[in-house]
């Protein structure tokens, strides 16, 4: 699980480093929208598969009990 979290956070850190100069020229609302547009897909691809596995294991353990 730790490796997946690192894989998920690393693109966010790289994004911040790459866009730091450009983002500093934007006001708060556009900056938030840009960061969200990049962060949501990264978190979705990194986190949702793990949540599905947990959900399946919880549901199968309940049904077998």
N, C-alpha and C. Protein backbone atom coordinates (compact mmCIF):
# COMPACT_ATOMS: atom_id res chain seq x y z
N UNK A 1 0.83 -1.19 0.00
CA UNK A 1 0.00 0.00 0.00
C UNK A 1 0.87 1.26 0.00
N UNK A 2 2.00 1.21 0.66
CA UNK A 2 2.87 2.37 0.76
C UNK A 2 3.39 2.78 -0.63
N UNK A 3 3.72 1.82 -1.47
CA UNK A 3 4.23 2.12 -2.80
C UNK A 3 3.17 2.84 -3.61
N UNK A 4 1.93 2.39 -3.53
CA UNK A 4 0.84 3.01 -4.28
C UNK A 4 0.65 4.46 -3.84
N UNK A 5 0.73 4.70 -2.55
CA UNK A 5 0.56 6.06 -2.05
C UNK A 5 1.67 6.96 -2.59
N UNK A 6 2.88 6.44 -2.63
CA UNK A 6 4.00 7.21 -3.17
C UNK A 6 3.78 7.49 -4.64
N UNK A 7 3.31 6.50 -5.37
CA UNK A 7 3.05 6.67 -6.80
C UNK A 7 1.96 7.71 -7.00
N UNK A 8 1.01 7.76 -6.08
CA UNK A 8 -0.08 8.71 -6.19
C UNK A 8 0.36 10.13 -5.84
N UNK A 9 1.23 10.28 -4.86
CA UNK A 9 1.63 11.61 -4.39
C UNK A 9 2.76 12.19 -5.24
N UNK A 10 3.60 11.36 -5.80
CA UNK A 10 4.73 11.85 -6.58
C UNK A 10 4.29 12.73 -7.76
N UNK A 11 3.29 12.31 -8.56
CA UNK A 11 2.86 13.21 -9.64
C UNK A 11 2.33 14.55 -9.13
N UNK A 12 1.72 14.56 -7.96
CA UNK A 12 1.22 15.82 -7.40
C UNK A 12 2.38 16.73 -7.03
N UNK A 13 3.44 16.17 -6.47
CA UNK A 13 4.61 16.97 -6.11
C UNK A 13 5.31 17.48 -7.37
N UNK A 14 5.41 16.63 -8.38
CA UNK A 14 6.02 17.06 -9.64
C UNK A 14 5.18 18.15 -10.31
N UNK A 15 3.87 18.00 -10.22
CA UNK A 15 2.98 19.01 -10.78
C UNK A 15 3.21 20.35 -10.10
N UNK A 16 3.29 20.33 -8.79
CA UNK A 16 3.51 21.58 -8.04
C UNK A 16 4.84 22.23 -8.43
N UNK A 17 5.88 21.41 -8.56
CA UNK A 17 7.19 21.94 -8.93
C UNK A 17 7.19 22.49 -10.35
N UNK A 18 6.52 21.79 -11.26
CA UNK A 18 6.52 22.21 -12.66
C UNK A 18 5.69 23.46 -12.89
N UNK A 19 4.61 23.59 -12.16
CA UNK A 19 3.68 24.69 -12.41
C UNK A 19 3.83 25.85 -11.41
N UNK A 20 4.81 25.78 -10.54
CA UNK A 20 4.93 26.77 -9.47
C UNK A 20 5.00 28.21 -10.00
N UNK A 21 5.83 28.46 -10.99
CA UNK A 21 5.96 29.81 -11.51
C UNK A 21 4.69 30.30 -12.17
N UNK A 22 4.10 29.45 -12.98
CA UNK A 22 2.89 29.83 -13.70
C UNK A 22 1.70 29.99 -12.75
N UNK A 23 1.58 29.09 -11.78
CA UNK A 23 0.45 29.16 -10.84
C UNK A 23 0.52 30.39 -9.94
N UNK A 24 1.71 30.86 -9.67
CA UNK A 24 1.83 32.03 -8.78
C UNK A 24 1.25 33.29 -9.41
N UNK A 25 1.11 33.30 -10.74
CA UNK A 25 0.55 34.47 -11.40
C UNK A 25 -0.98 34.45 -11.40
N UNK A 26 -1.58 33.31 -11.08
CA UNK A 26 -3.04 33.19 -11.09
C UNK A 26 -3.63 33.61 -9.75
N UNK A 27 -4.87 34.04 -9.80
CA UNK A 27 -5.57 34.31 -8.54
C UNK A 27 -6.02 32.99 -7.92
N UNK A 28 -6.64 33.05 -6.78
CA UNK A 28 -6.95 31.85 -6.00
C UNK A 28 -7.90 30.91 -6.73
N UNK A 29 -8.97 31.41 -7.29
CA UNK A 29 -9.96 30.54 -7.92
C UNK A 29 -9.41 29.79 -9.14
N UNK A 30 -8.79 30.46 -10.10
CA UNK A 30 -8.24 29.70 -11.22
C UNK A 30 -7.14 28.71 -10.80
N UNK A 31 -6.33 29.10 -9.82
CA UNK A 31 -5.28 28.20 -9.33
C UNK A 31 -5.90 26.95 -8.73
N UNK A 32 -6.96 27.12 -7.96
CA UNK A 32 -7.65 25.97 -7.35
C UNK A 32 -8.24 25.07 -8.42
N UNK A 33 -8.84 25.65 -9.44
CA UNK A 33 -9.43 24.86 -10.51
C UNK A 33 -8.38 24.06 -11.28
N UNK A 34 -7.24 24.69 -11.56
CA UNK A 34 -6.17 24.00 -12.28
C UNK A 34 -5.62 22.85 -11.44
N UNK A 35 -5.34 23.11 -10.18
CA UNK A 35 -4.79 22.06 -9.31
C UNK A 35 -5.78 20.91 -9.13
N UNK A 36 -7.05 21.23 -9.01
CA UNK A 36 -8.07 20.19 -8.87
C UNK A 36 -8.20 19.37 -10.14
N UNK A 37 -8.14 20.03 -11.27
CA UNK A 37 -8.25 19.31 -12.55
C UNK A 37 -7.12 18.31 -12.73
N UNK A 38 -5.99 18.57 -12.14
CA UNK A 38 -4.86 17.64 -12.24
C UNK A 38 -4.89 16.62 -11.11
N UNK A 39 -5.24 17.04 -9.91
CA UNK A 39 -5.15 16.16 -8.74
C UNK A 39 -6.23 15.09 -8.71
N UNK A 40 -7.43 15.42 -9.10
CA UNK A 40 -8.53 14.46 -8.98
C UNK A 40 -8.28 13.20 -9.80
N UNK A 41 -7.89 13.28 -11.06
CA UNK A 41 -7.63 12.04 -11.80
C UNK A 41 -6.48 11.22 -11.21
N UNK A 42 -5.46 11.89 -10.71
CA UNK A 42 -4.32 11.17 -10.13
C UNK A 42 -4.76 10.40 -8.90
N UNK A 43 -5.50 11.05 -8.02
CA UNK A 43 -5.97 10.39 -6.80
C UNK A 43 -6.96 9.29 -7.16
N UNK A 44 -7.82 9.54 -8.14
CA UNK A 44 -8.81 8.56 -8.55
C UNK A 44 -8.15 7.29 -9.05
N UNK A 45 -7.14 7.44 -9.89
CA UNK A 45 -6.45 6.26 -10.43
C UNK A 45 -5.60 5.55 -9.38
N UNK A 46 -5.11 6.29 -8.40
CA UNK A 46 -4.26 5.68 -7.39
C UNK A 46 -5.00 5.12 -6.20
N UNK A 47 -6.14 5.70 -5.85
CA UNK A 47 -6.83 5.33 -4.62
C UNK A 47 -8.02 4.40 -4.85
N UNK A 48 -8.78 4.63 -5.88
CA UNK A 48 -10.02 3.88 -6.09
C UNK A 48 -9.79 2.38 -6.23
N UNK A 49 -8.77 1.90 -6.94
CA UNK A 49 -8.58 0.44 -6.99
C UNK A 49 -8.41 -0.20 -5.61
N UNK A 50 -7.72 0.50 -4.72
CA UNK A 50 -7.55 -0.03 -3.36
C UNK A 50 -8.88 -0.02 -2.60
N UNK A 51 -9.66 1.02 -2.77
CA UNK A 51 -10.97 1.08 -2.11
C UNK A 51 -11.89 -0.01 -2.62
N UNK A 52 -11.82 -0.33 -3.90
CA UNK A 52 -12.64 -1.42 -4.45
C UNK A 52 -12.25 -2.75 -3.83
N UNK A 53 -10.95 -3.00 -3.71
CA UNK A 53 -10.49 -4.26 -3.11
C UNK A 53 -10.98 -4.37 -1.67
N UNK A 54 -10.89 -3.29 -0.92
CA UNK A 54 -11.35 -3.30 0.47
C UNK A 54 -12.85 -3.55 0.52
N UNK A 55 -13.61 -2.89 -0.34
CA UNK A 55 -15.06 -3.06 -0.38
C UNK A 55 -15.43 -4.50 -0.70
N UNK A 56 -14.75 -5.09 -1.69
CA UNK A 56 -15.04 -6.49 -2.05
C UNK A 56 -14.72 -7.42 -0.89
N UNK A 57 -13.60 -7.20 -0.23
CA UNK A 57 -13.25 -8.08 0.89
C UNK A 57 -14.23 -7.94 2.05
N UNK A 58 -14.71 -6.73 2.30
CA UNK A 58 -15.69 -6.52 3.37
C UNK A 58 -17.01 -7.18 3.01
N UNK A 59 -17.46 -7.01 1.78
CA UNK A 59 -18.73 -7.60 1.36
C UNK A 59 -18.68 -9.12 1.34
N UNK A 60 -17.58 -9.69 0.90
CA UNK A 60 -17.47 -11.16 0.87
C UNK A 60 -17.36 -11.72 2.28
N UNK A 61 -16.70 -11.00 3.19
CA UNK A 61 -16.62 -11.50 4.56
C UNK A 61 -17.98 -11.43 5.26
N UNK A 62 -18.77 -10.43 4.93
CA UNK A 62 -20.13 -10.32 5.52
C UNK A 62 -21.05 -11.41 4.98
N UNK A 63 -20.95 -11.68 3.69
CA UNK A 63 -21.84 -12.67 3.10
C UNK A 63 -21.48 -14.09 3.52
N UNK A 64 -20.22 -14.33 3.82
CA UNK A 64 -19.81 -15.68 4.26
C UNK A 64 -20.08 -15.91 5.74
N UNK A 65 -20.32 -14.85 6.50
CA UNK A 65 -20.55 -14.99 7.95
C UNK A 65 -21.97 -15.42 8.25
